[in-house]
Amino acid sequence: MLSIMMLPLADLLLSPDDMAAVDRAAAASGIDSYGLMEKAGQAVAASALRYFPEALRYVVLCGPGNNGGDGYVAARALRQSGAQVQLYHLGEPKRLKGDAARAFADCPVAGEALESYLPRAGDVVIDAIFGAGLSRPVPDQVATIIARVTEAGLPAIAVDLPSGLDGGSGQILGAAFRAERTVTFMTRKPGHLLMPGRELCGELEVFDIGIPARIIRPHANGSIAENTPVQWQANLPTAATDTHKYKRGHLVVFSGGATATGAARMSAMAGLKAGAGLVTIASPEQALAVNAGMLTAIMLRAVEDEASLGEWLSDKRLSTFVLGPGFGAGEKARQFALALSDRHLVLDADGITSFRDDPQRLFDAFADGPTRLVLTPHEGEFSRLFPDIAADGALSKVEKARAAAARAHAAIIYKGADSVIAAPDGRALINANAPPWLATAGSGDVLAGIIGGLMAQGAPAFEAAAAGVWLHGEAGQRAGKGLTAEDLVAHVTPF
């Protein structure tokens, strides 16, 4: 993963506390903080005029802090453009301090109490109440206004973050605006990407208001970023001119019984498409004929029990395995997973569920040495492996994934529309390229196979997991709406 000093600012994700520290550092360096507020408010006004020129009235809702200050600047800029502007404020503006007080004093638009706002047709709402700094449920009067705007179906532009969203977790604090557009400044925050925040932000604009990168980077939590190729591309294997199938690794996918073979074939084909040189399905005797009739480029091996697996594992070229898709949960899955503790393993679906009663047994088996285990839990599976972490409402999804990765000594893919990929060392990436139609039967089997295929070629566990999630999303985009898992496999393309 790239050093924080090498990442583009657009890829960084700063927590609200980090961004507040950046603002303080910018002011301490001699940068005019009111000048920054001026640029922020002007950017909001420009977005309103550009994307909602049909507005009969721009309604600016201002809060009691610097987010409200941005709103006062935006209201002034909109009035100066000749637009009809109405302003409403939370609390008494005369109590404002610092730059927000100056913005209020410079604003020629007379305001009214927030609770007096009654939406009407033609309004475009500019939400400058709280932004990303909120850490407790919104007050009742703000919840009432949110409900009125929502019921009226009015378009809203959020300043920094829709009021009512937690900037660190993306969770709703009582109630929150659903914005059509959100204008934020310099970098994004985790709450812009984590659900449900991502949906409530609408279209996101990141506007450069002039804070130098040299000030931002020292305050950035460099271990959190959006999952993009710049994070892991350098760690993926590349095909040299003298490469051959044995150099590109051998991936093994375990099959279930005769009536549960499709998931393994889906994973195996995805691993082959992701670039593995050889792929074998390890199948129980009863499923050999079914699998043999459906396989061409993928090889087949009879592996009935732990003893036959142990005998096969004498071949050290077998380095990477996928266990779980269609395999069945229970003692056999546990035995196989533990037998693979010195190899690279993607544990998915039934493989994860098999350790629900004693997850520490799995974690202990992979505890030493480099990270070799990739776990791919969805919400329910995560709760089975990490019940205490899952139940901690004070933790964001990123924090939960990080805690789980550290405990399991594994790369964790905490799946969902906002999948989080975490490493034991604290690195975390939030994925944002997955289309909603990926939520279909067999999609997870394909993901497990892609990751296995990358690991078989030598990609480290965390980078293989992150790249696999991203490539899975790209395949879903190419396959389009209405895809099946078979369609998805056909669109898997290595980076």
Protein backbone atom coordinates (compact mmCIF):
# COMPACT_ATOMS: atom_id res chain seq x y z
CA MET A 1 0.00 0.00 0.00
CA LEU A 2 1.28 3.45 -0.89
CA SER A 3 2.73 5.74 1.72
CA ILE A 4 0.38 8.46 2.92
CA MET A 5 2.76 11.02 1.43
CA MET A 6 2.18 9.55 -2.03
CA LEU A 7 -1.62 9.31 -2.04
CA PRO A 8 -3.63 11.95 -3.90
CA LEU A 9 -5.63 14.14 -1.51
CA ALA A 10 -8.80 12.90 -3.19
CA ASP A 11 -8.05 9.37 -1.93
CA LEU A 12 -7.58 10.39 1.69
CA LEU A 13 -10.37 10.01 4.22
CA LEU A 14 -10.08 12.34 7.21
CA SER A 15 -12.18 11.94 10.31
CA PRO A 16 -14.03 15.05 11.53
CA ASP A 17 -11.45 15.41 14.32
CA ASP A 18 -8.61 15.13 11.81
CA MET A 19 -10.17 17.82 9.63
CA ALA A 20 -10.68 20.09 12.62
CA ALA A 21 -6.99 19.68 13.38
CA VAL A 22 -6.16 20.61 9.78
CA ASP A 23 -8.24 23.78 10.10
CA ARG A 24 -6.40 24.74 13.29
CA ALA A 25 -3.03 24.03 11.72
CA ALA A 26 -3.91 26.08 8.66
CA ALA A 27 -4.84 29.04 10.85
CA ALA A 28 -1.67 28.62 12.93
CA SER A 29 0.43 28.67 9.76
CA GLY A 30 -0.86 32.15 8.93
CA ILE A 31 -3.53 31.19 6.39
CA ASP A 32 -6.56 33.48 6.66
CA SER A 33 -9.23 31.19 8.14
CA TYR A 34 -12.02 33.55 7.14
CA GLY A 35 -10.67 33.43 3.61
CA LEU A 36 -11.08 29.67 3.69
CA MET A 37 -14.67 30.05 4.90
CA GLU A 38 -15.29 32.54 2.12
CA LYS A 39 -14.08 30.07 -0.50
CA ALA A 40 -16.16 27.28 1.01
CA GLY A 41 -19.36 29.30 1.05
CA GLN A 42 -18.75 30.59 -2.48
CA ALA A 43 -18.28 26.98 -3.66
CA VAL A 44 -21.63 26.02 -2.16
CA ALA A 45 -23.36 28.96 -3.84
CA ALA A 46 -21.74 28.10 -7.17
CA SER A 47 -22.94 24.51 -6.91
CA ALA A 48 -26.48 25.68 -6.14
CA LEU A 49 -26.57 28.01 -9.12
CA ARG A 50 -25.01 25.48 -11.46
CA TYR A 51 -27.12 22.44 -10.60
CA PHE A 52 -30.39 24.08 -9.49
CA PRO A 53 -30.79 27.17 -11.68
CA GLU A 54 -34.56 26.61 -11.75
CA ALA A 55 -34.94 27.31 -8.03
CA LEU A 56 -37.60 29.87 -7.18
CA ARG A 57 -35.97 30.37 -3.80
CA TYR A 58 -32.77 29.20 -2.14
CA VAL A 59 -33.41 28.44 1.50
CA VAL A 60 -30.24 28.48 3.58
CA LEU A 61 -30.39 26.74 6.97
CA CYS A 62 -27.52 27.87 9.20
CA GLY A 63 -26.25 26.22 12.36
CA PRO A 64 -24.40 27.60 15.38
CA GLY A 65 -20.83 26.81 14.21
CA ASN A 66 -18.51 27.13 11.25
CA ASN A 67 -20.80 25.05 9.07
CA GLY A 68 -23.36 27.77 9.62
CA GLY A 69 -20.67 30.31 8.75
CA ASP A 70 -20.27 28.63 5.36
CA GLY A 71 -24.03 28.96 4.98
CA TYR A 72 -24.01 32.70 5.69
CA VAL A 73 -21.32 33.18 3.04
CA ALA A 74 -23.33 31.11 0.58
CA ALA A 75 -26.49 33.13 1.30
CA ARG A 76 -24.61 36.39 0.67
CA ALA A 77 -23.12 35.06 -2.59
CA LEU A 78 -26.51 33.87 -3.81
CA ARG A 79 -28.11 37.23 -3.00
CA GLN A 80 -25.30 39.03 -4.85
CA SER A 81 -26.00 36.85 -7.88
CA GLY A 82 -29.55 38.15 -7.96
CA ALA A 83 -31.21 35.01 -6.63
CA GLN A 84 -34.11 34.94 -4.20
CA VAL A 85 -32.72 33.85 -0.83
CA GLN A 86 -34.34 33.11 2.51
CA LEU A 87 -32.26 32.34 5.60
CA TYR A 88 -33.15 30.42 8.75
CA HIS A 89 -30.86 29.93 11.74
CA LEU A 90 -30.61 27.51 14.64
CA GLY A 91 -30.13 29.34 17.93
CA GLU A 92 -29.24 32.98 18.36
CA PRO A 93 -26.76 34.17 15.67
CA LYS A 94 -25.47 36.93 17.95
CA ARG A 95 -23.85 34.21 20.05
CA LEU A 96 -21.68 33.08 17.14
CA LYS A 97 -17.93 33.36 17.56
CA GLY A 98 -14.88 33.78 15.35
CA ASP A 99 -15.24 33.37 11.58
CA ALA A 100 -18.89 32.30 11.83
CA ALA A 101 -19.74 35.55 13.65
CA ARG A 102 -17.96 37.53 10.94
CA ALA A 103 -19.80 35.64 8.19
CA PHE A 104 -23.10 36.41 9.89
CA ALA A 105 -22.19 40.08 10.20
CA ASP A 106 -21.26 40.24 6.50
CA CYS A 107 -24.47 38.56 5.36
CA PRO A 108 -27.14 41.00 4.10
CA VAL A 109 -29.93 38.40 4.25
CA ALA A 110 -32.17 38.74 7.29
CA GLY A 111 -32.82 35.42 9.00
CA GLU A 112 -35.62 33.81 10.97
CA ALA A 113 -35.70 31.04 13.57
CA LEU A 114 -35.14 27.62 12.03
CA GLU A 115 -38.38 26.16 13.34
CA SER A 116 -40.40 28.77 11.44
CA TYR A 117 -39.37 27.40 8.03
CA LEU A 118 -42.33 26.05 6.06
CA PRO A 119 -41.28 24.44 2.75
CA ARG A 120 -42.93 25.53 -0.43
CA ALA A 121 -42.76 24.45 -4.05
CA GLY A 122 -39.68 25.75 -5.86
CA ASP A 123 -37.44 25.80 -2.78
CA VAL A 124 -33.90 24.45 -2.94
CA VAL A 125 -32.57 23.86 0.58
CA ILE A 126 -28.96 24.47 1.53
CA ASP A 127 -28.22 22.51 4.69
CA ALA A 128 -25.49 24.31 6.66
CA ILE A 129 -26.66 23.33 10.13
CA PHE A 130 -24.11 20.84 11.47
CA GLY A 131 -22.03 19.22 8.72
CA ALA A 132 -19.59 16.54 9.88
CA GLY A 133 -19.03 17.82 13.40
CA LEU A 134 -22.14 16.30 14.95
CA SER A 135 -21.59 13.60 17.58
CA ARG A 136 -25.02 13.34 19.23
CA PRO A 137 -28.63 13.02 18.00
CA VAL A 138 -29.97 16.12 16.28
CA PRO A 139 -32.16 18.42 18.40
CA ASP A 140 -35.92 18.03 18.05
CA GLN A 141 -36.35 21.27 16.10
CA VAL A 142 -33.80 20.10 13.53
CA ALA A 143 -35.46 16.69 13.25
CA THR A 144 -38.75 18.49 12.61
CA ILE A 145 -37.24 20.54 9.77
CA ILE A 146 -35.63 17.44 8.26
CA ALA A 147 -39.04 15.75 8.29
CA ARG A 148 -40.70 18.76 6.65
CA VAL A 149 -38.10 18.96 3.87
CA THR A 150 -38.28 15.23 3.29
CA GLU A 151 -42.08 15.18 3.19
CA ALA A 152 -42.09 18.10 0.74
CA GLY A 153 -39.63 16.27 -1.53
CA LEU A 154 -37.40 19.32 -1.87
CA PRO A 155 -33.85 19.04 -3.26
CA ALA A 156 -31.14 19.73 -0.69
CA ILE A 157 -27.48 20.64 -0.94
CA ALA A 158 -25.45 19.64 2.11
CA VAL A 159 -22.46 21.65 3.25
CA ASP A 160 -19.68 19.20 4.14
CA LEU A 161 -22.08 16.40 5.16
CA PRO A 162 -25.87 16.15 5.49
CA SER A 163 -26.78 17.30 8.98
CA GLY A 164 -27.63 14.33 11.17
CA LEU A 165 -24.90 12.07 9.78
CA ASP A 166 -21.85 11.03 11.76
CA GLY A 167 -18.81 11.98 9.67
CA GLY A 168 -16.76 9.12 11.03
CA SER A 169 -19.23 6.25 10.71
CA GLY A 170 -21.84 7.40 8.19
CA GLN A 171 -24.57 6.49 10.69
CA ILE A 172 -27.72 8.56 11.22
CA LEU A 173 -27.87 10.42 14.52
CA GLY A 174 -31.61 10.47 15.09
CA ALA A 175 -32.56 12.00 11.73
CA ALA A 176 -30.64 13.25 8.70
CA PHE A 177 -31.19 15.14 5.47
CA ARG A 178 -31.12 13.21 2.20
CA ALA A 179 -29.11 15.51 -0.05
CA GLU A 180 -29.07 15.50 -3.81
CA ARG A 181 -25.59 17.01 -3.66
CA THR A 182 -22.97 17.40 -0.96
CA VAL A 183 -20.13 19.91 -1.18
CA THR A 184 -17.15 19.11 1.02
CA PHE A 185 -13.70 20.63 1.19
CA MET A 186 -10.16 19.35 0.54
CA THR A 187 -10.77 15.67 1.37
CA ARG A 188 -13.61 13.29 2.05
CA LYS A 189 -14.52 11.67 5.36
CA PRO A 190 -15.36 8.03 6.08
CA GLY A 191 -19.01 9.03 6.49
CA HIS A 192 -19.12 10.04 2.84
CA LEU A 193 -18.44 6.44 1.80
CA LEU A 194 -19.90 4.30 4.58
CA MET A 195 -23.58 3.41 4.41
CA PRO A 196 -26.11 4.88 4.86
CA GLY A 197 -24.08 8.09 4.64
CA ARG A 198 -23.07 7.45 1.05
CA GLU A 199 -26.68 7.27 -0.10
CA LEU A 200 -27.72 10.35 1.88
CA CYS A 201 -24.89 12.46 0.43
CA GLY A 202 -26.09 12.16 -3.16
CA GLU A 203 -23.54 13.45 -5.66
CA LEU A 204 -20.36 14.43 -3.83
CA GLU A 205 -18.14 17.36 -4.78
CA VAL A 206 -14.73 17.83 -3.15
CA PHE A 207 -13.71 21.47 -3.47
CA ASP A 208 -10.16 22.73 -2.97
CA ILE A 209 -10.34 25.83 -0.79
CA GLY A 210 -6.58 26.28 -0.70
CA ILE A 211 -5.20 24.40 2.30
CA PRO A 212 -1.77 23.09 1.24
CA ALA A 213 -1.21 19.35 1.12
CA ARG A 214 1.80 19.76 3.42
CA ILE A 215 -0.63 20.80 6.18
CA ILE A 216 -3.24 18.13 5.47
CA ARG A 217 -1.04 15.05 5.18
CA PRO A 218 0.45 15.08 8.71
CA HIS A 219 -3.09 15.09 10.13
CA ALA A 220 -4.45 12.43 7.78
CA ASN A 221 -5.03 8.95 9.11
CA GLY A 222 -3.10 7.34 6.29
CA SER A 223 -4.29 3.85 7.09
CA ILE A 224 -7.85 4.63 5.91
CA ALA A 225 -8.62 5.41 2.27
CA GLU A 226 -11.00 4.51 -0.53
CA ASN A 227 -10.27 1.16 -2.14
CA THR A 228 -8.76 2.06 -5.51
CA PRO A 229 -6.00 0.49 -7.65
CA VAL A 230 -3.46 3.05 -6.46
CA GLN A 231 -3.60 1.36 -3.06
CA TRP A 232 -2.56 -2.13 -4.20
CA GLN A 233 -1.65 -2.23 -7.89
CA ALA A 234 2.10 -2.28 -7.22
CA ASN A 235 1.66 -5.42 -5.08
CA LEU A 236 -0.17 -7.44 -7.71
CA PRO A 237 1.75 -9.92 -9.87
CA THR A 238 2.46 -8.95 -13.44
CA ALA A 239 2.86 -11.37 -16.30
CA ALA A 240 6.44 -11.46 -17.59
CA THR A 241 7.26 -12.58 -21.12
CA ASP A 242 8.74 -15.83 -19.83
CA THR A 243 5.84 -16.70 -17.54
CA HIS A 244 4.04 -20.03 -17.65
CA LYS A 245 1.18 -21.65 -15.77
CA TYR A 246 3.35 -23.03 -12.99
CA LYS A 247 4.78 -19.59 -12.23
CA ARG A 248 1.26 -18.16 -11.92
CA GLY A 249 0.33 -20.41 -9.04
CA HIS A 250 -1.99 -23.30 -8.32
CA LEU A 251 -5.36 -22.55 -6.71
CA VAL A 252 -7.47 -25.23 -5.06
CA VAL A 253 -11.21 -24.79 -4.45
CA PHE A 254 -13.09 -27.30 -2.31
CA SER A 255 -16.40 -28.62 -3.59
CA GLY A 256 -19.45 -29.69 -1.66
CA GLY A 257 -21.36 -32.94 -2.21
CA ALA A 258 -23.10 -34.07 -5.37
CA THR A 259 -26.01 -31.64 -4.96
CA ALA A 260 -23.82 -28.66 -3.96
CA THR A 261 -21.10 -28.34 -6.58
CA GLY A 262 -22.01 -25.14 -8.42
CA ALA A 263 -20.55 -22.69 -5.92
CA ALA A 264 -17.11 -24.30 -6.07
CA ARG A 265 -17.12 -24.25 -9.86
CA MET A 266 -18.06 -20.56 -9.77
CA SER A 267 -15.14 -19.81 -7.45
CA ALA A 268 -12.74 -21.92 -9.47
CA MET A 269 -13.59 -20.24 -12.75
CA ALA A 270 -13.27 -16.81 -11.14
CA GLY A 271 -9.81 -17.77 -9.84
CA LEU A 272 -8.80 -18.87 -13.32
CA LYS A 273 -10.10 -15.62 -14.82
CA ALA A 274 -8.20 -13.66 -12.17
CA GLY A 275 -4.96 -15.12 -13.47
CA ALA A 276 -4.15 -18.29 -11.54
CA GLY A 277 -2.05 -20.59 -13.73
CA LEU A 278 -3.71 -23.80 -12.54
CA VAL A 279 -7.00 -24.36 -10.74
CA THR A 280 -8.16 -27.63 -9.23
CA ILE A 281 -11.48 -28.46 -7.62
CA ALA A 282 -11.01 -30.84 -4.70
CA SER A 283 -14.16 -32.90 -4.69
CA PRO A 284 -15.61 -35.70 -2.55
CA GLU A 285 -16.05 -39.03 -4.32
CA GLN A 286 -19.83 -38.66 -4.59
CA ALA A 287 -19.47 -35.38 -6.51
CA LEU A 288 -16.71 -36.44 -8.92
CA ALA A 289 -19.02 -37.36 -11.78
CA VAL A 290 -21.09 -34.19 -11.46
CA ASN A 291 -18.02 -31.96 -11.44
CA ALA A 292 -16.24 -33.91 -14.17
CA GLY A 293 -19.16 -33.39 -16.52
CA MET A 294 -19.01 -29.62 -16.00
CA LEU A 295 -15.26 -28.91 -16.05
CA THR A 296 -12.91 -28.19 -18.93
CA ALA A 297 -9.93 -25.93 -18.13
CA ILE A 298 -10.30 -26.64 -14.41
CA MET A 299 -8.78 -29.84 -13.04
CA LEU A 300 -10.42 -32.24 -10.61
CA ARG A 301 -9.02 -34.14 -7.63
CA ALA A 302 -10.76 -36.60 -5.32
CA VAL A 303 -10.35 -35.45 -1.71
CA GLU A 304 -12.72 -37.26 0.59
CA ASP A 305 -11.48 -36.55 4.10
CA GLU A 306 -8.73 -35.03 6.22
CA ALA A 307 -6.43 -37.98 5.59
CA SER A 308 -6.61 -37.71 1.82
CA LEU A 309 -6.16 -33.95 2.07
CA GLY A 310 -3.07 -34.40 4.25
CA GLU A 311 -1.57 -36.80 1.73
CA TRP A 312 -2.14 -34.33 -1.12
CA LEU A 313 -0.65 -31.45 0.88
CA SER A 314 2.76 -33.10 0.62
CA ASP A 315 2.87 -31.23 -2.70
CA LYS A 316 4.11 -27.83 -1.51
CA ARG A 317 3.21 -26.21 -4.82
CA LEU A 318 -0.38 -26.20 -3.54
CA SER A 319 -0.16 -22.84 -1.81
CA THR A 320 -3.62 -21.26 -1.96
CA PHE A 321 -7.07 -22.63 -1.15
CA VAL A 322 -10.69 -21.46 -1.15
CA LEU A 323 -12.92 -23.21 1.38
CA GLY A 324 -16.58 -22.57 2.06
CA PRO A 325 -18.66 -22.01 -1.07
CA GLY A 326 -21.27 -24.80 -1.06
CA PHE A 327 -19.03 -26.94 1.15
CA GLY A 328 -21.35 -27.38 4.09
CA ALA A 329 -20.78 -26.23 7.66
CA GLY A 330 -19.45 -28.57 10.31
CA GLU A 331 -16.54 -30.65 11.55
CA LYS A 332 -15.20 -31.53 8.10
CA ALA A 333 -14.88 -27.86 7.18
CA ARG A 334 -13.10 -27.19 10.48
CA GLN A 335 -10.68 -30.06 9.94
CA PHE A 336 -9.85 -28.95 6.41
CA ALA A 337 -9.32 -25.30 7.40
CA LEU A 338 -7.02 -26.19 10.26
CA ALA A 339 -5.06 -28.58 8.04
CA LEU A 340 -4.33 -25.60 5.78
CA SER A 341 -2.94 -23.35 8.52
CA ASP A 342 0.49 -23.18 6.86
CA ARG A 343 -0.97 -22.27 3.45
CA HIS A 344 -2.91 -19.29 2.09
CA LEU A 345 -6.63 -19.69 2.68
CA VAL A 346 -9.73 -17.76 1.66
CA LEU A 347 -12.41 -18.84 4.14
CA ASP A 348 -15.91 -17.98 2.98
CA ALA A 349 -19.56 -18.83 3.69
CA ASP A 350 -19.88 -22.30 5.26
CA GLY A 351 -16.20 -22.22 6.19
CA ILE A 352 -16.79 -19.16 8.36
CA THR A 353 -19.98 -20.52 9.91
CA SER A 354 -18.18 -23.73 10.88
CA PHE A 355 -16.17 -21.81 13.48
CA ARG A 356 -19.05 -19.91 15.05
CA ASP A 357 -18.79 -21.84 18.33
CA ASP A 358 -15.01 -21.59 18.66
CA PRO A 359 -13.58 -18.87 16.42
CA GLN A 360 -10.42 -18.59 18.50
CA ARG A 361 -9.41 -22.06 17.37
CA LEU A 362 -9.27 -20.74 13.81
CA PHE A 363 -7.47 -17.54 14.80
CA ASP A 364 -4.82 -19.42 16.78
CA ALA A 365 -4.07 -21.67 13.82
CA PHE A 366 -3.14 -18.69 11.64
CA ALA A 367 -1.66 -16.49 14.36
CA ASP A 368 2.02 -16.76 13.51
CA GLY A 369 4.00 -15.39 10.60
CA PRO A 370 2.77 -13.35 7.64
CA THR A 371 -0.96 -12.93 7.13
CA ARG A 372 -2.21 -16.01 5.27
CA LEU A 373 -5.92 -16.01 6.05
CA VAL A 374 -8.63 -14.00 4.30
CA LEU A 375 -12.11 -13.96 5.86
CA THR A 376 -15.10 -12.70 3.87
CA PRO A 377 -18.00 -12.31 6.32
CA HIS A 378 -21.26 -10.54 5.60
CA GLU A 379 -23.08 -8.94 8.54
CA GLY A 380 -24.48 -12.17 9.97
CA GLU A 381 -21.24 -14.11 9.57
CA PHE A 382 -19.26 -11.28 11.13
CA SER A 383 -21.53 -11.43 14.17
CA ARG A 384 -20.90 -15.17 14.48
CA LEU A 385 -17.11 -14.85 14.47
CA PHE A 386 -16.84 -11.56 16.37
CA PRO A 387 -20.01 -11.22 18.48
CA ASP A 388 -18.61 -8.70 20.96
CA ILE A 389 -17.12 -6.47 18.25
CA ALA A 390 -20.31 -6.62 16.16
CA ALA A 391 -22.43 -5.63 19.16
CA ASP A 392 -20.35 -2.56 20.06
CA GLY A 393 -22.51 0.32 18.85
CA ALA A 394 -19.75 2.84 19.56
CA LEU A 395 -17.59 1.43 16.75
CA SER A 396 -17.89 2.32 13.08
CA LYS A 397 -17.76 -0.37 10.43
CA VAL A 398 -14.13 0.51 9.78
CA GLU A 399 -13.26 0.22 13.45
CA LYS A 400 -15.05 -3.11 13.71
CA ALA A 401 -13.22 -4.51 10.70
CA ARG A 402 -9.87 -3.34 12.06
CA ALA A 403 -10.51 -4.90 15.46
CA ALA A 404 -11.56 -8.18 13.83
CA ALA A 405 -8.49 -8.26 11.57
CA ALA A 406 -6.17 -7.72 14.53
CA ARG A 407 -7.86 -10.46 16.55
CA ALA A 408 -7.93 -13.01 13.74
CA HIS A 409 -4.52 -12.14 12.26
CA ALA A 410 -6.36 -12.12 8.95
CA ALA A 411 -7.36 -9.84 6.15
CA ILE A 412 -11.04 -9.14 6.77
CA ILE A 413 -13.58 -8.26 4.11
CA TYR A 414 -16.57 -7.00 6.05
CA LYS A 415 -18.99 -7.28 3.15
CA GLY A 416 -21.87 -5.04 2.18
CA ALA A 417 -22.64 -2.16 -0.15
CA ASP A 418 -19.78 -0.40 1.65
CA SER A 419 -17.39 -3.36 2.04
CA VAL A 420 -14.47 -2.60 4.34
CA ILE A 421 -11.17 -4.41 3.85
CA ALA A 422 -8.91 -4.41 6.91
CA ALA A 423 -5.45 -5.76 7.75
CA PRO A 424 -4.05 -6.82 11.13
CA ASP A 425 -1.69 -3.83 11.10
CA GLY A 426 -4.60 -1.35 11.07
CA ARG A 427 -4.82 -0.51 7.38
CA ALA A 428 -8.38 -0.22 6.12
CA LEU A 429 -9.99 0.54 2.78
CA ILE A 430 -13.62 1.36 2.06
CA ASN A 431 -14.93 0.05 -1.25
CA ALA A 432 -17.28 2.21 -3.29
CA ASN A 433 -17.44 0.74 -6.81
CA ALA A 434 -19.84 -2.16 -6.24
CA PRO A 435 -23.22 -1.79 -7.99
CA PRO A 436 -26.34 -2.84 -6.06
CA TRP A 437 -27.13 -5.63 -8.50
CA LEU A 438 -24.09 -7.56 -7.21
CA ALA A 439 -26.37 -8.74 -4.41
CA THR A 440 -27.29 -11.99 -6.12
CA ALA A 441 -26.79 -15.71 -5.47
CA GLY A 442 -23.24 -16.84 -6.19
CA SER A 443 -21.73 -13.36 -6.19
CA GLY A 444 -19.74 -14.08 -3.03
CA ASP A 445 -18.44 -17.33 -4.50
CA VAL A 446 -17.02 -15.35 -7.41
CA LEU A 447 -15.37 -12.87 -5.03
CA ALA A 448 -13.71 -15.67 -3.05
CA GLY A 449 -12.34 -17.15 -6.26
CA ILE A 450 -10.92 -13.85 -7.48
CA ILE A 451 -9.09 -13.34 -4.20
CA GLY A 452 -7.79 -16.89 -4.26
CA GLY A 453 -6.56 -16.47 -7.82
CA LEU A 454 -4.62 -13.33 -6.88
CA MET A 455 -3.10 -14.93 -3.78
CA ALA A 456 -2.06 -17.99 -5.79
CA GLN A 457 -0.01 -15.67 -7.99
CA GLY A 458 1.78 -14.21 -4.99
CA ALA A 459 -0.27 -11.18 -3.98
CA PRO A 460 -0.20 -10.55 -0.19
CA ALA A 461 -3.42 -11.34 1.64
CA PHE A 462 -4.59 -7.76 2.29
CA GLU A 463 -3.75 -6.52 -1.20
CA ALA A 464 -5.36 -9.59 -2.78
CA ALA A 465 -8.49 -9.01 -0.71
CA ALA A 466 -8.69 -5.32 -1.60
CA ALA A 467 -7.97 -5.89 -5.28
CA GLY A 468 -10.45 -8.76 -5.36
CA VAL A 469 -13.24 -6.61 -3.97
CA TRP A 470 -12.51 -3.85 -6.47
CA LEU A 471 -12.25 -6.23 -9.46
CA HIS A 472 -15.50 -7.86 -8.33
CA GLY A 473 -17.19 -4.46 -8.39
CA GLU A 474 -15.78 -3.66 -11.83
CA ALA A 475 -17.01 -7.00 -13.17
CA GLY A 476 -20.46 -6.20 -11.79
CA GLN A 477 -20.43 -2.82 -13.52
CA ARG A 478 -19.50 -4.42 -16.83
CA ALA A 479 -22.07 -7.22 -16.52
CA GLY A 480 -24.86 -4.73 -15.82
CA LYS A 481 -28.24 -5.00 -14.19
CA GLY A 482 -29.87 -8.38 -14.03
CA LEU A 483 -26.56 -10.23 -13.89
CA THR A 484 -26.26 -13.79 -12.67
CA ALA A 485 -23.14 -15.21 -11.07
CA GLU A 486 -22.29 -16.85 -14.40
CA ASP A 487 -22.45 -13.45 -16.09
CA LEU A 488 -20.25 -12.01 -13.36
CA VAL A 489 -17.54 -14.63 -13.86
CA ALA A 490 -17.48 -13.92 -17.58
CA HIS A 491 -16.67 -10.28 -16.87
CA VAL A 492 -13.82 -10.87 -14.39
CA THR A 493 -10.68 -9.30 -15.83
CA PRO A 494 -7.36 -9.10 -13.98
CA PHE A 495 -5.96 -5.60 -13.53
